Structure formats: structure tokens, C-alpha cells
Amino acid sequence: MFREIRRLNKIQKGALFICDIQEKFRPNIKYFDQMVASTSTMFKFAQIMDYPVAVTEQFARGLGPTVEELADARPFVLSDKTQFSMMTPEVDAFMDQHAPSDIFICGIEAHACIQGTVQDLIERGIKTHVIVDAVSASHQVNRFSAFREMENIGATLVTSEQVILQTLSDAKHPKFKPAQQLLIKYPMQDSGLETFF
């Protein structure tokens, strides 16, 4: 059966979502530090590519702000939410303003806020790319189950390094050198995915 080929170098308008990467979650999320590192790489890549960025926090008064490692992303916080999905009125306004064709999503938890957001985006016809090394959960079984479900409904599962290389796709790309420096300076870390793939 034919399946649509999604070439990242053909993206018309990309955007990055960063979901609820907050300090109080740190002790309970598997591979938290690695997930944060990959999200930081994606944030830097979004800046290189001029992709707009939307960040949410879940009940920040109780769960704290976006982690210090992502302090540069804090100005992009659009919503302090209680619902699981990122698609709050503020993020809806972001979508109306930027009209992205493709969303790259990072954050936690895979089976709650990430999956709910992906479902909403897919229903809207937005091509959605889950950055697997930048998405985690408190239990690996929930993480892996969410990955399978999101892929089944039409999301693409990719790594942060895949996104960078496939988006640029040519060393002659005008933004290849700064992006390449990201991969050299911030190489991917083991994020507990070897048993999934």
C-alpha cells in the first residue's frame, strides 16, 4: 500500500513545539537530561531555520518553570495550562499567525500531553513529527506505546539528528555549516530507545 513520503527538505513552513519540560518532572521522567539536551538542540536548530517556537508549561505554579537548560526558550512560553494538549487558545492563535505546514514536537509526557497534542494536530491536517529522543515519560512502556499510537494515526517518528540532516539534505545548503556545528557540539546521547526500534 502506498504511503505518503514526507521529505523534510520539502517542508513549506515548519514550527517547533516544546511541551511542559519543567523542573518538578526531572526526578520522575526517564532519560530526562538526554531529552532536555535533544530539545535544546532542536530549539537551536529552529532558530537557525527561523522556525517559530511555541512553549507550554503545565500548572507552572505547582510544577515550576521550564528547566534552566532551556532558559533561552522561556520567552516563547505561550500558555500555562491545565489540559493535556498544547492546543490552548494561545497556541491556537500562534497557529493562526504562523500557519505552519509541519510541527516538530518535543517534551513530556509521551502518552499524555504529547499524544493529546499530536492527535489534535493530525485532526487539523498538520504534518506532525515526533522527536523521539526529545520526548519521554515516567515509564518506558508508556513512552513506547505512545510512539506506536502516534505513528499509527499519521505522525512521523524521527530523531533530532535525522531532522537536521534530512531538512538540510545537502552540504551546499546555506545553513548547513551552523547546523553541522550543532551536531558536533551537541552529539546525540543514549536516550533509551534501542529496545524500541
Foldseek 3Di string as FASTA:
>chain_A
DDDDDDQLQPWDAEAEEEEAQFDQCVVQWALSVLLLLQVLLVVVVCVLVVHYYAYEHEQCVPGNDHDPSVVVCRVRYQYHDNAQEPPDVRVVVVCVVRVGQEYEYAYDDLQTNVLVNLVVCVVVNRAYEYALSNYIYSDVVSSLVSVVVSVVSHHHYHHSVCSLCRNQVDCPRPSNVVSVVSCVVRPRDDRPCPVND
